[in-house]
Amino acid sequence: MRKKGGSSFWGTRRVLVTGGAGFFGSFIVERLKASGTGEVIVPRSRDYDLVDGAAVRRLYADARPHLVIHLAATVGGIGANQRHPGEFFYKNLMMGAQMMEEGRRHGVEKFVAVGTVCSYPKHTFVPFSEDDLWNGYPEETNAPYGLAKKMLIVQSQAYREEYGFNAINLLPTNLYGPRDNFDLETSHVIPALIRKCLEAKRAHAPTVTCWGTGNPSRDFLYVEDAAEAVLLAAERHTDSLPVNLGSGSEISMRDLADLVRKATGYPGDLVWDASRPDGQPRRCLDTSRAERAFGFRARTPFEVGLKRTVEWYLSDHAEG
């Protein structure tokens, strides 16, 4: 982690971080402050509804940022995406498009658009290369969300061509770590499995039911590594070509669930409910462009990050 005052790039800048109070954003904000950033502005949804154009214009007028990191999104796991495809599409599209347009109008130095691995086609050759982003339709359960975020790539490239606007696009894979969302209705797979196993352990339940067949694979990136990647890209990257942020390795859902079972100390069995959707068959990112463009390489081993995540959840939910 950079020490305060360690980077002259951040010292005089006002940085607007949408979604900065959320899981991923909170780590980015911490790193910005530790880097001696001139001012970090974190708008709250109760004050600025980014789906509303008037609120976005008011935010820019109030914040007057030099640099924008756009993280704000309406997100969730497979179940949430299935229940709210229209909401996920509309809100993510409107937030991103309006934030970038007003950033251009206000002359911000750089706009960092943080997208999603869900933008990739359902059947993409593994490891996913950024050059394959347009070779098919995304996996159906999260396509509306993935396509809404994907439009930021088109927008930033068009704005660079017409206006010379400096927008970059980052595509993080599945993130995990402390402070994640552990609500079983909206959480992603790792926090959901951690909570299920710990609750089953406390209840002495003989089994935990997991979604799908257990066959799909995912690439998981520890949230602190991802935050470091965003800051490196904001400092060093000046191209609208999308850039993957991932660990470069994949793990099957079945192996993941077993690691979570062991990390939580749950002694029971895992049962797979094949009537539930698997989502994308495989997911692992080619991370070579990130290393070439701004020197990022993930550093946290998965087992280490998983242990920290379990420990945080236990600490945050300690009884008494």
Protein backbone atom coordinates (compact mmCIF):
# COMPACT_ATOMS: atom_id res chain seq x y z
CA MET A 1 0.00 0.00 0.00
CA ARG A 2 1.30 3.46 -0.88
CA LYS A 3 2.29 5.69 2.01
CA LYS A 4 0.72 9.09 2.48
CA GLY A 5 2.38 11.61 0.23
CA GLY A 6 4.08 8.81 -1.71
CA SER A 7 2.57 9.76 -5.07
CA SER A 8 2.68 13.32 -6.42
CA PHE A 9 -0.06 12.35 -8.90
CA TRP A 10 -2.75 12.41 -6.20
CA GLY A 11 -1.54 15.24 -4.00
CA THR A 12 -3.40 18.18 -5.59
CA ARG A 13 -6.40 16.41 -7.07
CA ARG A 14 -10.03 16.25 -6.05
CA VAL A 15 -11.19 12.71 -6.76
CA LEU A 16 -14.87 11.81 -6.98
CA VAL A 17 -15.56 8.14 -6.20
CA THR A 18 -19.13 7.05 -6.93
CA GLY A 19 -19.95 3.94 -4.91
CA GLY A 20 -17.12 4.89 -2.57
CA ALA A 21 -19.12 3.87 0.51
CA GLY A 22 -19.66 0.35 -0.83
CA PHE A 23 -17.65 -2.85 -0.55
CA PHE A 24 -15.10 -2.24 -3.33
CA GLY A 25 -15.25 1.53 -3.12
CA SER A 26 -14.36 1.68 0.56
CA PHE A 27 -10.96 0.09 -0.15
CA ILE A 28 -10.29 2.48 -3.03
CA VAL A 29 -11.16 5.46 -0.83
CA GLU A 30 -8.81 4.22 1.90
CA ARG A 31 -5.95 3.90 -0.59
CA LEU A 32 -6.61 7.34 -2.04
CA LYS A 33 -6.48 8.90 1.41
CA ALA A 34 -3.31 6.99 2.26
CA SER A 35 -1.76 8.30 -0.97
CA GLY A 36 -2.22 11.88 0.19
CA THR A 37 -4.99 12.72 -2.27
CA GLY A 38 -5.96 16.39 -2.11
CA GLU A 39 -9.64 15.63 -1.54
CA VAL A 40 -11.74 12.47 -1.86
CA ILE A 41 -15.45 13.03 -2.48
CA VAL A 42 -17.84 10.14 -1.81
CA PRO A 43 -21.42 11.01 -2.79
CA ARG A 44 -24.24 9.15 -1.04
CA SER A 45 -27.31 7.91 -2.89
CA ARG A 46 -29.63 9.68 -0.46
CA ASP A 47 -28.10 13.00 -1.57
CA TYR A 48 -27.43 12.29 -5.26
CA ASP A 49 -29.52 9.78 -7.21
CA LEU A 50 -27.17 9.09 -10.13
CA VAL A 51 -30.03 7.70 -12.22
CA ASP A 52 -31.43 11.24 -12.26
CA GLY A 53 -29.68 13.59 -14.68
CA ALA A 54 -30.37 16.69 -12.58
CA ALA A 55 -28.76 15.04 -9.54
CA VAL A 56 -25.68 14.09 -11.58
CA ARG A 57 -25.30 17.68 -12.80
CA ARG A 58 -25.67 18.96 -9.25
CA LEU A 59 -23.02 16.50 -8.05
CA TYR A 60 -20.47 17.74 -10.56
CA ALA A 61 -21.26 21.36 -9.70
CA ASP A 62 -20.80 20.62 -6.00
CA ALA A 63 -17.73 18.37 -6.22
CA ARG A 64 -15.76 20.01 -9.08
CA PRO A 65 -13.58 16.90 -9.45
CA HIS A 66 -10.34 16.58 -11.38
CA LEU A 67 -10.73 12.81 -11.66
CA VAL A 68 -13.74 10.49 -11.43
CA ILE A 69 -13.72 6.82 -10.46
CA HIS A 70 -17.15 5.48 -11.32
CA LEU A 71 -17.97 2.39 -9.26
CA ALA A 72 -21.62 2.97 -8.40
CA ALA A 73 -23.80 0.13 -9.63
CA THR A 74 -26.91 -1.85 -8.90
CA VAL A 75 -25.51 -5.36 -8.43
CA GLY A 76 -26.28 -8.81 -7.04
CA GLY A 77 -25.81 -12.52 -7.55
CA ILE A 78 -27.57 -14.74 -10.08
CA GLY A 79 -30.85 -14.70 -8.16
CA ALA A 80 -30.98 -10.91 -7.91
CA ASN A 81 -30.14 -10.57 -11.61
CA GLN A 82 -32.96 -12.95 -12.50
CA ARG A 83 -35.49 -11.08 -10.38
CA HIS A 84 -34.56 -7.57 -11.54
CA PRO A 85 -33.18 -7.63 -15.12
CA GLY A 86 -34.98 -4.42 -16.11
CA GLU A 87 -33.91 -2.52 -13.01
CA PHE A 88 -30.31 -3.68 -13.33
CA PHE A 89 -30.15 -2.68 -17.00
CA TYR A 90 -31.77 0.74 -16.67
CA LYS A 91 -30.09 1.95 -13.51
CA ASN A 92 -26.58 0.87 -14.50
CA LEU A 93 -26.92 2.28 -18.01
CA MET A 94 -28.26 5.64 -16.85
CA MET A 95 -25.72 6.05 -14.05
CA GLY A 96 -22.76 5.31 -16.27
CA ALA A 97 -23.86 7.26 -19.35
CA GLN A 98 -24.80 10.38 -17.40
CA MET A 99 -21.72 10.34 -15.18
CA MET A 100 -19.43 10.17 -18.20
CA GLU A 101 -21.36 12.80 -20.20
CA GLU A 102 -21.32 15.30 -17.35
CA GLY A 103 -17.66 14.49 -16.71
CA ARG A 104 -16.93 15.44 -20.30
CA ARG A 105 -18.97 18.64 -20.01
CA HIS A 106 -17.11 19.62 -16.84
CA GLY A 107 -13.69 18.90 -18.34
CA VAL A 108 -12.48 16.27 -15.86
CA GLU A 109 -8.90 15.16 -16.47
CA LYS A 110 -9.72 11.45 -16.41
CA PHE A 111 -12.78 9.25 -16.03
CA VAL A 112 -12.16 5.72 -14.72
CA ALA A 113 -15.10 3.49 -15.66
CA VAL A 114 -15.20 0.26 -13.65
CA GLY A 115 -17.21 -2.37 -15.55
CA THR A 116 -17.73 -6.08 -15.03
CA VAL A 117 -16.59 -9.47 -16.23
CA CYS A 118 -20.30 -10.19 -16.84
CA SER A 119 -19.93 -8.21 -20.09
CA TYR A 120 -18.10 -11.12 -21.71
CA PRO A 121 -19.91 -13.54 -24.06
CA LYS A 122 -21.27 -16.69 -22.43
CA HIS A 123 -18.93 -18.97 -24.37
CA THR A 124 -15.60 -17.14 -24.36
CA PHE A 125 -12.30 -18.94 -24.86
CA VAL A 126 -10.46 -19.26 -21.55
CA PRO A 127 -8.57 -17.22 -20.46
CA PHE A 128 -10.82 -14.31 -21.46
CA SER A 129 -9.00 -11.84 -23.69
CA GLU A 130 -10.25 -8.28 -24.01
CA ASP A 131 -10.22 -8.80 -27.79
CA ASP A 132 -13.07 -11.34 -27.42
CA LEU A 133 -15.53 -8.99 -25.69
CA TRP A 134 -17.74 -8.62 -28.77
CA ASN A 135 -17.71 -12.24 -29.96
CA GLY A 136 -21.14 -13.22 -28.61
CA TYR A 137 -23.96 -12.50 -26.18
CA PRO A 138 -23.36 -12.56 -22.39
CA GLU A 139 -24.62 -15.33 -20.14
CA GLU A 140 -28.39 -14.86 -19.96
CA THR A 141 -28.86 -14.58 -16.19
CA ASN A 142 -26.75 -11.42 -15.95
CA ALA A 143 -26.77 -10.14 -19.56
CA PRO A 144 -28.81 -6.96 -18.86
CA TYR A 145 -26.34 -5.88 -16.17
CA GLY A 146 -23.30 -6.87 -18.23
CA LEU A 147 -24.50 -5.09 -21.36
CA ALA A 148 -25.40 -1.90 -19.49
CA LYS A 149 -21.87 -1.69 -18.10
CA LYS A 150 -20.40 -2.66 -21.48
CA MET A 151 -21.89 0.47 -23.02
CA LEU A 152 -19.35 2.51 -21.05
CA ILE A 153 -16.66 1.03 -23.29
CA VAL A 154 -18.47 2.23 -26.40
CA GLN A 155 -19.13 5.62 -24.83
CA SER A 156 -15.55 6.20 -23.71
CA GLN A 157 -14.11 5.21 -27.08
CA ALA A 158 -16.59 7.45 -28.92
CA TYR A 159 -15.88 10.36 -26.56
CA ARG A 160 -12.12 9.95 -26.95
CA GLU A 161 -12.49 9.99 -30.73
CA GLU A 162 -14.82 12.99 -30.93
CA TYR A 163 -13.90 15.06 -27.88
CA GLY A 164 -10.45 13.83 -26.85
CA PHE A 165 -11.98 12.78 -23.53
CA ASN A 166 -9.64 10.72 -21.35
CA ALA A 167 -11.79 7.80 -20.18
CA ILE A 168 -10.46 4.34 -19.36
CA ASN A 169 -12.29 1.04 -18.82
CA LEU A 170 -11.48 -1.62 -16.26
CA LEU A 171 -13.14 -5.05 -16.14
CA PRO A 172 -12.70 -6.65 -12.72
CA THR A 173 -13.53 -10.30 -12.26
CA ASN A 174 -15.47 -11.61 -9.24
CA LEU A 175 -14.24 -9.69 -6.19
CA TYR A 176 -14.25 -10.96 -2.61
CA GLY A 177 -12.94 -9.93 0.77
CA PRO A 178 -13.83 -8.24 4.07
CA ARG A 179 -16.88 -5.90 4.07
CA ASP A 180 -18.55 -7.82 1.24
CA ASN A 181 -22.34 -8.14 1.07
CA PHE A 182 -23.42 -11.22 3.05
CA ASP A 183 -27.17 -10.84 2.48
CA LEU A 184 -28.27 -14.22 1.09
CA GLU A 185 -30.86 -12.57 -1.16
CA THR A 186 -28.36 -10.36 -3.02
CA SER A 187 -24.83 -11.60 -2.25
CA HIS A 188 -22.35 -13.24 -4.58
CA VAL A 189 -21.12 -16.79 -4.17
CA ILE A 190 -18.24 -16.49 -1.68
CA PRO A 191 -20.04 -14.45 1.01
CA ALA A 192 -23.16 -16.56 0.53
CA LEU A 193 -21.23 -19.80 1.06
CA ILE A 194 -19.37 -18.40 4.07
CA ARG A 195 -22.60 -17.34 5.75
CA LYS A 196 -24.40 -20.60 4.92
CA CYS A 197 -21.57 -22.73 6.31
CA LEU A 198 -21.17 -20.71 9.51
CA GLU A 199 -24.91 -20.67 10.18
CA ALA A 200 -25.13 -24.42 9.51
CA LYS A 201 -22.20 -24.98 11.86
CA ARG A 202 -23.90 -23.04 14.66
CA ALA A 203 -27.17 -24.90 14.06
CA HIS A 204 -25.43 -28.31 13.81
CA ALA A 205 -27.12 -28.78 10.42
CA PRO A 206 -25.92 -31.91 8.60
CA THR A 207 -25.86 -30.35 5.11
CA VAL A 208 -25.50 -27.05 3.25
CA THR A 209 -27.22 -26.67 -0.11
CA CYS A 210 -25.23 -24.99 -2.89
CA TRP A 211 -26.61 -23.62 -6.15
CA GLY A 212 -26.06 -25.44 -9.45
CA THR A 213 -23.94 -28.43 -10.34
CA GLY A 214 -20.63 -27.22 -8.93
CA ASN A 215 -18.98 -27.57 -12.34
CA PRO A 216 -18.58 -23.91 -13.43
CA SER A 217 -15.32 -22.13 -12.67
CA ARG A 218 -14.53 -18.58 -11.63
CA ASP A 219 -11.56 -16.23 -11.33
CA PHE A 220 -11.64 -14.47 -7.96
CA LEU A 221 -9.69 -11.29 -7.17
CA TYR A 222 -9.10 -10.13 -3.60
CA VAL A 223 -10.63 -6.70 -3.09
CA GLU A 224 -7.45 -5.00 -1.82
CA ASP A 225 -5.57 -6.16 -4.92
CA ALA A 226 -8.39 -4.80 -7.09
CA ALA A 227 -8.26 -1.43 -5.33
CA GLU A 228 -4.53 -1.22 -5.99
CA ALA A 229 -5.18 -1.98 -9.66
CA VAL A 230 -7.68 0.86 -9.99
CA LEU A 231 -5.26 3.40 -8.55
CA LEU A 232 -2.42 2.18 -10.77
CA ALA A 233 -4.66 2.45 -13.83
CA ALA A 234 -5.86 5.92 -12.83
CA GLU A 235 -2.26 7.08 -12.56
CA ARG A 236 -0.70 5.35 -15.55
CA HIS A 237 -3.26 4.19 -18.13
CA THR A 238 -4.47 6.53 -20.89
CA ASP A 239 -6.21 4.31 -23.44
CA SER A 240 -9.90 3.50 -23.89
CA LEU A 241 -9.22 -0.15 -24.70
CA PRO A 242 -10.77 -2.24 -21.88
CA VAL A 243 -8.42 -3.87 -19.39
CA ASN A 244 -9.10 -7.04 -17.38
CA LEU A 245 -8.45 -7.09 -13.64
CA GLY A 246 -8.19 -10.63 -12.35
CA SER A 247 -6.02 -13.19 -10.61
CA GLY A 248 -5.34 -15.15 -13.80
CA SER A 249 -6.40 -18.44 -12.22
CA GLU A 250 -9.70 -20.29 -11.98
CA ILE A 251 -11.35 -22.54 -9.44
CA SER A 252 -14.46 -24.70 -9.81
CA MET A 253 -17.49 -23.96 -7.69
CA ARG A 254 -17.21 -27.43 -6.18
CA ASP A 255 -13.61 -26.84 -5.11
CA LEU A 256 -14.48 -23.35 -3.91
CA ALA A 257 -17.30 -24.63 -1.74
CA ASP A 258 -15.02 -27.23 -0.21
CA LEU A 259 -12.40 -24.57 0.61
CA VAL A 260 -15.09 -22.43 2.25
CA ARG A 261 -16.34 -25.44 4.20
CA LYS A 262 -12.81 -26.03 5.54
CA ALA A 263 -12.11 -22.33 6.19
CA THR A 264 -15.28 -22.02 8.27
CA GLY A 265 -14.76 -25.32 10.08
CA TYR A 266 -18.12 -26.66 8.98
CA PRO A 267 -18.11 -30.47 9.49
CA GLY A 268 -21.19 -31.33 7.43
CA ASP A 269 -21.74 -32.20 3.79
CA LEU A 270 -22.32 -29.99 0.74
CA VAL A 271 -25.34 -30.80 -1.41
CA TRP A 272 -25.70 -29.43 -4.93
CA ASP A 273 -29.08 -28.28 -6.23
CA ALA A 274 -28.84 -28.75 -10.00
CA SER A 275 -32.26 -27.13 -10.49
CA ARG A 276 -30.58 -23.79 -9.74
CA PRO A 277 -28.69 -22.00 -12.56
CA ASP A 278 -24.94 -22.37 -12.92
CA GLY A 279 -24.35 -19.05 -14.65
CA GLN A 280 -21.42 -18.72 -17.03
CA PRO A 281 -19.70 -22.11 -17.61
CA ARG A 282 -16.11 -20.90 -17.12
CA ARG A 283 -14.53 -17.61 -16.17
CA CYS A 284 -10.83 -16.82 -16.02
CA LEU A 285 -9.19 -13.64 -17.27
CA ASP A 286 -6.08 -13.00 -19.33
CA THR A 287 -4.40 -10.35 -17.18
CA SER A 288 -1.41 -9.61 -19.40
CA ARG A 289 -2.74 -6.27 -20.65
CA ALA A 290 -3.02 -4.90 -17.10
CA GLU A 291 0.56 -5.88 -16.37
CA ARG A 292 1.83 -4.29 -19.58
CA ALA A 293 -0.29 -1.14 -19.34
CA PHE A 294 0.15 -0.19 -15.69
CA GLY A 295 2.17 -2.88 -13.93
CA PHE A 296 -0.62 -4.66 -12.06
CA ARG A 297 -0.37 -8.26 -10.92
CA ALA A 298 -2.55 -9.82 -8.21
CA ARG A 299 -0.56 -10.68 -5.09
CA THR A 300 -2.94 -12.23 -2.53
CA PRO A 301 -3.21 -16.06 -2.65
CA PHE A 302 -6.82 -17.19 -2.68
CA GLU A 303 -6.61 -19.18 0.56
CA VAL A 304 -5.13 -16.14 2.35
CA GLY A 305 -7.86 -13.82 1.08
CA LEU A 306 -10.55 -16.34 1.98
CA LYS A 307 -9.20 -16.69 5.52
CA ARG A 308 -9.25 -12.90 5.98
CA THR A 309 -12.81 -12.75 4.68
CA VAL A 310 -14.04 -15.43 7.09
CA GLU A 311 -12.24 -13.76 10.00
CA TRP A 312 -13.80 -10.40 9.15
CA TYR A 313 -17.30 -11.88 8.99
CA LEU A 314 -16.87 -13.63 12.33
CA SER A 315 -15.58 -10.41 13.91
CA ASP A 316 -18.34 -8.29 12.40
CA HIS A 317 -21.06 -10.72 13.47
CA ALA A 318 -19.66 -11.63 16.89
CA GLU A 319 -22.40 -12.18 19.45
CA GLY A 320 -22.52 -9.93 22.45
